[in-house]
Amino acid sequence: MNGIESDKLDLAFIGSVPTLTFQSQGHDISIFGGAMTNGHGYVIKSEFTDKDEAGVEVLKGRNVASVKNSVQDAELQILLKNAHIPIGEGEDEVNIVYFDSQKDAYAALLNDSIDAASAYSPYTSLAASQGYKVVYYCAHEEALQNQPCCRQVAKTSALSQYPNTYTAIERAFIKAYKFTQTDHEKTIQDVKQYIDIEDDLINVELYDGFATSSPDPDKQGTIELKNTIVELGYTEDYDIEPLYNTSIYEKALNSILAEEDDDIYKSLQEHFNDYE
């Protein structure tokens, strides 16, 4: 956020919940594209359950590591609220212990005092490979369908001042998306350069349905998330419309479709038309 506002960064991928929080606090930043959708969940030590996806009920009476102002925390609070499970330190409550980062929250599982932890790609697969059980995948929870994670964010003024630059950037992201859908093996090897875990775990995270990665801004899904975190008390309500720019993505996608009649790009267009 500081990098964007000081003009050291032209854009950044920022988690959806902190982005919405920044906007509500008056930061003049706009969402103009997307990245990951879903891909979050929680994992728990196997001594507390013998099966995966047992649900948030297994968290009762447990100390759960999470990250404040994150989509993982917001999702957990949504599910706990829906299940009528209070947050607290009692036997029928869930005690949420906050850490500064997802890495720290996951590492806290090595402590005897922490029973479960939030997880997003690739921590969920790593946890499963290390013997932990998955409490839930958000993609499998009805209340959390199409839950946007990272968003593409830039200064509102920059998007207006340099639309052609951002359209060119978005074209690159859209073409990269097509590459991930058409060459799984090369994509896995590319990811492995940055996340050095087993190939099969990368494949699970990318292609097994727990998360999707698309440059679509997914305005509808993000607005629904904004309304939810306002209800949870994460932030004050605000007018998001001036801070959501879908024209950059639409222009970029249309320009590619004008050059190449491709089913993957057509599917992106259909999704955009449904969720803009």
Protein backbone atom coordinates (compact mmCIF):
# COMPACT_ATOMS: atom_id res chain seq x y z
CA MET A 1 0.00 0.00 0.00
CA ASN A 2 2.82 2.38 0.89
CA GLY A 3 4.61 1.49 -2.34
CA ILE A 4 1.56 2.33 -4.43
CA GLU A 5 0.87 5.63 -2.69
CA SER A 6 4.52 6.71 -2.91
CA ASP A 7 4.62 5.82 -6.64
CA LYS A 8 7.29 3.18 -6.08
CA LEU A 9 4.82 0.57 -7.35
CA ASP A 10 2.47 0.91 -10.31
CA LEU A 11 0.25 -1.91 -9.09
CA ALA A 12 0.18 -4.62 -6.48
CA PHE A 13 -1.63 -7.85 -5.74
CA ILE A 14 -3.21 -7.25 -2.32
CA GLY A 15 -5.54 -9.50 -0.37
CA SER A 16 -9.20 -8.68 -0.90
CA VAL A 17 -10.02 -7.98 2.76
CA PRO A 18 -7.09 -5.60 3.40
CA THR A 19 -7.80 -3.90 0.06
CA LEU A 20 -11.40 -3.27 1.09
CA THR A 21 -10.24 -2.09 4.50
CA PHE A 22 -7.76 0.35 2.93
CA GLN A 23 -10.48 1.72 0.66
CA SER A 24 -12.85 2.20 3.58
CA GLN A 25 -10.14 4.16 5.41
CA GLY A 26 -9.94 6.67 2.58
CA HIS A 27 -7.00 5.38 0.55
CA ASP A 28 -7.62 6.36 -3.07
CA ILE A 29 -6.89 2.96 -4.61
CA SER A 30 -8.98 1.03 -7.10
CA ILE A 31 -9.41 -2.64 -7.88
CA PHE A 32 -9.04 -3.31 -11.60
CA GLY A 33 -8.36 -7.03 -11.82
CA GLY A 34 -8.27 -10.27 -9.92
CA ALA A 35 -5.99 -13.19 -9.13
CA MET A 36 -6.86 -16.11 -6.88
CA THR A 37 -10.41 -17.05 -5.95
CA ASN A 38 -11.02 -19.46 -3.06
CA GLY A 39 -7.97 -21.55 -2.08
CA HIS A 40 -8.26 -20.90 1.66
CA GLY A 41 -9.11 -23.10 4.59
CA TYR A 42 -7.99 -24.30 7.99
CA VAL A 43 -5.96 -27.31 9.08
CA ILE A 44 -5.87 -29.08 12.43
CA LYS A 45 -3.63 -31.56 14.20
CA SER A 46 -4.68 -35.13 13.48
CA GLU A 47 -5.11 -35.91 17.18
CA PHE A 48 -8.33 -33.87 17.12
CA THR A 49 -10.00 -35.52 14.12
CA ASP A 50 -9.39 -38.55 11.96
CA LYS A 51 -10.96 -37.20 8.77
CA ASP A 52 -10.60 -34.30 6.39
CA GLU A 53 -13.27 -31.62 5.97
CA ALA A 54 -14.91 -32.38 9.29
CA GLY A 55 -16.11 -28.76 9.47
CA VAL A 56 -15.69 -25.92 11.94
CA GLU A 57 -17.31 -27.93 14.73
CA VAL A 58 -13.95 -29.68 15.32
CA LEU A 59 -12.49 -26.29 16.28
CA LYS A 60 -14.60 -26.06 19.45
CA GLY A 61 -12.38 -25.69 22.48
CA ARG A 62 -9.30 -25.25 20.28
CA ASN A 63 -6.69 -22.53 19.91
CA VAL A 64 -6.66 -21.52 16.25
CA ALA A 65 -3.88 -19.49 14.62
CA SER A 66 -5.04 -16.95 12.05
CA VAL A 67 -4.17 -13.57 10.54
CA LYS A 68 -6.18 -10.46 11.36
CA ASN A 69 -7.60 -8.45 8.46
CA SER A 70 -7.36 -11.43 6.11
CA VAL A 71 -9.87 -13.28 3.98
CA GLN A 72 -9.02 -16.48 5.89
CA ASP A 73 -10.11 -14.87 9.17
CA ALA A 74 -13.24 -13.37 7.63
CA GLU A 75 -14.25 -16.74 6.19
CA LEU A 76 -13.76 -18.48 9.52
CA GLN A 77 -15.89 -15.89 11.27
CA ILE A 78 -18.63 -16.33 8.64
CA LEU A 79 -18.70 -20.11 9.14
CA LEU A 80 -18.60 -19.85 12.94
CA LYS A 81 -21.46 -17.35 12.89
CA ASN A 82 -23.52 -19.59 10.61
CA ALA A 83 -22.85 -22.57 12.89
CA HIS A 84 -23.73 -20.51 16.01
CA ILE A 85 -20.28 -21.15 17.49
CA PRO A 86 -19.01 -18.21 19.56
CA ILE A 87 -15.44 -16.94 19.59
CA GLY A 88 -13.81 -17.28 23.00
CA GLU A 89 -11.85 -19.57 25.29
CA GLY A 90 -14.61 -21.89 26.49
CA GLU A 91 -15.05 -25.57 25.64
CA ASP A 92 -17.82 -24.78 23.15
CA GLU A 93 -16.03 -21.73 21.73
CA VAL A 94 -13.18 -21.18 19.29
CA ASN A 95 -10.19 -19.20 20.52
CA ILE A 96 -8.62 -17.31 17.60
CA VAL A 97 -4.98 -16.37 18.15
CA TYR A 98 -3.73 -13.77 15.68
CA PHE A 99 -0.31 -13.76 14.01
CA ASP A 100 1.33 -11.22 11.70
CA SER A 101 1.42 -13.42 8.60
CA GLN A 102 0.13 -16.69 7.17
CA LYS A 103 3.66 -18.08 7.39
CA ASP A 104 3.76 -17.33 11.12
CA ALA A 105 0.29 -18.76 11.68
CA TYR A 106 1.21 -22.01 9.96
CA ALA A 107 4.54 -22.26 11.80
CA ALA A 108 2.64 -21.89 15.08
CA LEU A 109 1.29 -25.41 14.60
CA LEU A 110 4.66 -26.61 15.90
CA ASN A 111 3.72 -25.15 19.30
CA ASP A 112 1.77 -27.28 21.77
CA SER A 113 -0.51 -24.32 22.51
CA ILE A 114 -1.84 -24.09 18.93
CA ASP A 115 -4.23 -26.76 17.68
CA ALA A 116 -5.22 -25.50 14.24
CA ALA A 117 -4.26 -22.81 11.77
CA SER A 118 -5.46 -20.92 8.73
CA ALA A 119 -3.98 -21.95 5.40
CA TYR A 120 -3.94 -20.84 1.80
CA SER A 121 -1.99 -22.10 -1.22
CA PRO A 122 0.37 -23.88 -0.84
CA TYR A 123 0.09 -24.31 2.94
CA THR A 124 -3.02 -26.49 2.76
CA SER A 125 -1.32 -29.10 0.59
CA LEU A 126 1.85 -28.90 2.66
CA ALA A 127 -0.19 -29.47 5.81
CA ALA A 128 -1.93 -32.51 4.35
CA SER A 129 1.42 -33.96 3.28
CA GLN A 130 2.74 -33.46 6.81
CA GLY A 131 -0.10 -35.34 8.47
CA TYR A 132 -2.47 -32.55 9.44
CA LYS A 133 -6.18 -32.79 8.64
CA VAL A 134 -8.08 -30.21 6.60
CA VAL A 135 -10.91 -28.62 8.59
CA TYR A 136 -12.50 -27.20 5.43
CA TYR A 137 -11.73 -25.93 1.97
CA CYS A 138 -13.60 -22.69 1.35
CA ALA A 139 -14.38 -23.80 -2.22
CA HIS A 140 -16.51 -26.60 -0.72
CA GLU A 141 -18.47 -24.35 1.65
CA GLU A 142 -21.75 -23.03 0.25
CA ALA A 143 -21.39 -19.76 2.16
CA LEU A 144 -17.95 -19.12 0.66
CA GLN A 145 -18.45 -19.88 -3.03
CA ASN A 146 -16.59 -17.62 -5.47
CA GLN A 147 -14.69 -15.95 -2.64
CA PRO A 148 -12.18 -13.48 -4.11
CA CYS A 149 -8.71 -13.46 -2.61
CA CYS A 150 -5.96 -11.23 -4.03
CA ARG A 151 -7.02 -8.31 -6.19
CA GLN A 152 -5.06 -6.19 -8.65
CA VAL A 153 -4.83 -2.74 -7.10
CA ALA A 154 -3.47 0.61 -8.31
CA LYS A 155 -3.91 4.30 -7.66
CA THR A 156 -7.29 5.45 -8.90
CA SER A 157 -5.65 8.45 -10.57
CA ALA A 158 -3.03 6.28 -12.29
CA LEU A 159 -5.69 4.07 -13.90
CA SER A 160 -7.33 7.20 -15.32
CA GLN A 161 -4.07 8.83 -16.39
CA TYR A 162 -2.42 5.79 -17.99
CA PRO A 163 -5.23 3.52 -19.25
CA ASN A 164 -3.20 2.18 -22.18
CA THR A 165 -0.34 1.10 -19.91
CA TYR A 166 -2.65 -0.78 -17.57
CA THR A 167 -4.53 -2.30 -20.50
CA ALA A 168 -1.22 -3.65 -21.84
CA ILE A 169 -0.40 -5.07 -18.41
CA GLU A 170 -3.83 -6.69 -18.22
CA ARG A 171 -3.38 -8.23 -21.67
CA ALA A 172 -0.24 -9.92 -20.36
CA PHE A 173 -2.09 -11.29 -17.32
CA ILE A 174 -4.91 -12.60 -19.53
CA LYS A 175 -2.46 -14.33 -21.87
CA ALA A 176 -0.64 -15.78 -18.87
CA TYR A 177 -3.96 -17.20 -17.68
CA LYS A 178 -4.43 -18.95 -21.01
CA PHE A 179 -0.94 -20.42 -20.69
CA THR A 180 -1.78 -21.90 -17.27
CA GLN A 181 -4.85 -23.55 -18.75
CA THR A 182 -3.13 -25.03 -21.80
CA ASP A 183 0.29 -26.11 -20.51
CA HIS A 184 -0.06 -27.61 -17.04
CA GLU A 185 3.40 -29.20 -16.96
CA LYS A 186 5.28 -26.00 -17.82
CA THR A 187 3.09 -23.99 -15.43
CA ILE A 188 3.95 -26.35 -12.58
CA GLN A 189 7.66 -25.99 -13.34
CA ASP A 190 7.33 -22.20 -13.46
CA VAL A 191 5.59 -22.16 -10.08
CA LYS A 192 8.23 -24.48 -8.67
CA GLN A 193 10.87 -21.79 -9.23
CA TYR A 194 9.15 -19.72 -6.54
CA ILE A 195 7.46 -22.36 -4.37
CA ASP A 196 9.81 -25.30 -4.12
CA ILE A 197 7.49 -28.12 -3.08
CA GLU A 198 6.65 -31.43 -4.71
CA ASP A 199 5.15 -31.25 -8.20
CA ASP A 200 2.04 -33.18 -7.19
CA LEU A 201 1.31 -30.69 -4.41
CA ILE A 202 1.60 -27.78 -6.85
CA ASN A 203 -0.74 -29.63 -9.19
CA VAL A 204 -3.30 -30.02 -6.38
CA GLU A 205 -3.20 -26.31 -5.61
CA LEU A 206 -3.43 -25.23 -9.25
CA TYR A 207 -5.77 -27.72 -10.82
CA ASP A 208 -7.73 -29.80 -8.30
CA GLY A 209 -10.57 -27.35 -7.81
CA PHE A 210 -9.70 -25.87 -4.41
CA ALA A 211 -8.74 -22.55 -6.00
CA THR A 212 -8.84 -20.79 -9.33
CA SER A 213 -6.54 -18.05 -10.57
CA SER A 214 -8.02 -15.63 -13.05
CA PRO A 215 -7.33 -11.96 -13.89
CA ASP A 216 -11.08 -11.24 -13.93
CA PRO A 217 -11.88 -8.37 -11.51
CA ASP A 218 -14.98 -10.28 -10.26
CA LYS A 219 -16.74 -7.15 -9.10
CA GLN A 220 -19.89 -8.91 -7.94
CA GLY A 221 -18.05 -11.38 -5.72
CA THR A 222 -15.87 -8.68 -4.20
CA ILE A 223 -18.82 -6.43 -3.40
CA GLU A 224 -20.54 -9.36 -1.69
CA LEU A 225 -17.39 -9.87 0.38
CA LYS A 226 -17.30 -6.15 1.21
CA ASN A 227 -20.86 -6.28 2.51
CA THR A 228 -20.00 -9.35 4.59
CA ILE A 229 -16.96 -7.84 6.30
CA VAL A 230 -18.95 -4.69 7.04
CA GLU A 231 -21.53 -6.90 8.74
CA LEU A 232 -18.75 -8.67 10.68
CA GLY A 233 -17.46 -5.31 11.92
CA TYR A 234 -14.18 -5.43 10.03
CA THR A 235 -14.72 -1.99 8.55
CA GLU A 236 -17.20 0.82 8.08
CA ASP A 237 -19.44 0.78 5.02
CA TYR A 238 -18.44 2.93 2.07
CA ASP A 239 -19.21 3.51 -1.61
CA ILE A 240 -17.03 1.10 -3.55
CA GLU A 241 -18.29 2.08 -7.02
CA PRO A 242 -15.75 4.89 -7.69
CA LEU A 243 -12.98 2.53 -6.59
CA TYR A 244 -13.76 -0.38 -8.90
CA ASN A 245 -12.47 -0.11 -12.46
CA THR A 246 -13.63 -2.91 -14.76
CA SER A 247 -13.06 -1.02 -18.01
CA ILE A 248 -9.31 -1.82 -18.10
CA TYR A 249 -9.92 -5.57 -18.02
CA GLU A 250 -12.85 -5.38 -20.44
CA LYS A 251 -10.81 -3.39 -22.98
CA ALA A 252 -7.83 -5.74 -22.66
CA LEU A 253 -9.94 -8.87 -23.09
CA ASN A 254 -11.88 -7.47 -26.03
CA SER A 255 -8.65 -6.49 -27.78
CA ILE A 256 -7.33 -10.04 -27.44
CA LEU A 257 -10.58 -11.56 -28.66
CA ALA A 258 -10.41 -9.29 -31.70
CA GLU A 259 -7.04 -10.87 -32.53
CA GLU A 260 -7.73 -14.48 -31.57
CA ASP A 261 -11.00 -16.43 -31.54
CA ASP A 262 -10.24 -18.75 -28.62
CA ASP A 263 -12.51 -20.75 -26.29
CA ILE A 264 -10.50 -19.87 -23.16
CA TYR A 265 -10.77 -16.17 -23.83
CA LYS A 266 -14.47 -16.62 -24.62
CA SER A 267 -14.97 -18.32 -21.25
CA LEU A 268 -13.32 -15.33 -19.57
CA GLN A 269 -15.70 -13.03 -21.40
CA GLU A 270 -18.70 -15.09 -20.29
CA HIS A 271 -17.52 -14.99 -16.68
CA PHE A 272 -16.96 -11.23 -16.87
CA ASN A 273 -20.43 -10.65 -18.29
CA ASP A 274 -21.94 -12.74 -15.46
CA TYR A 275 -19.99 -11.20 -12.57
CA GLU A 276 -19.12 -7.64 -13.66
